[in-house]
């Protein structure tokens, strides 16, 4: 079986670690900002549904 890093763009495991750290740091500010925008854009009654959709939809952004 091929190592997991062979399935991505990186050519070695060190690049995979760096990419993973950058992705984690990016998620640290993208997620809270998105939640703030959603909170400001939708009413209190709609917010749980919208955040539920967001929680289901964000993995598709990673693969598409």
Foldseek 3Di string as FASTA:
>chain_A
DDPPVVVDDDDDVVVVVVVVVVVVVVCVPPVVVVLVVLPVPDDPVCSVVVVVVVVVPVVVVVVD
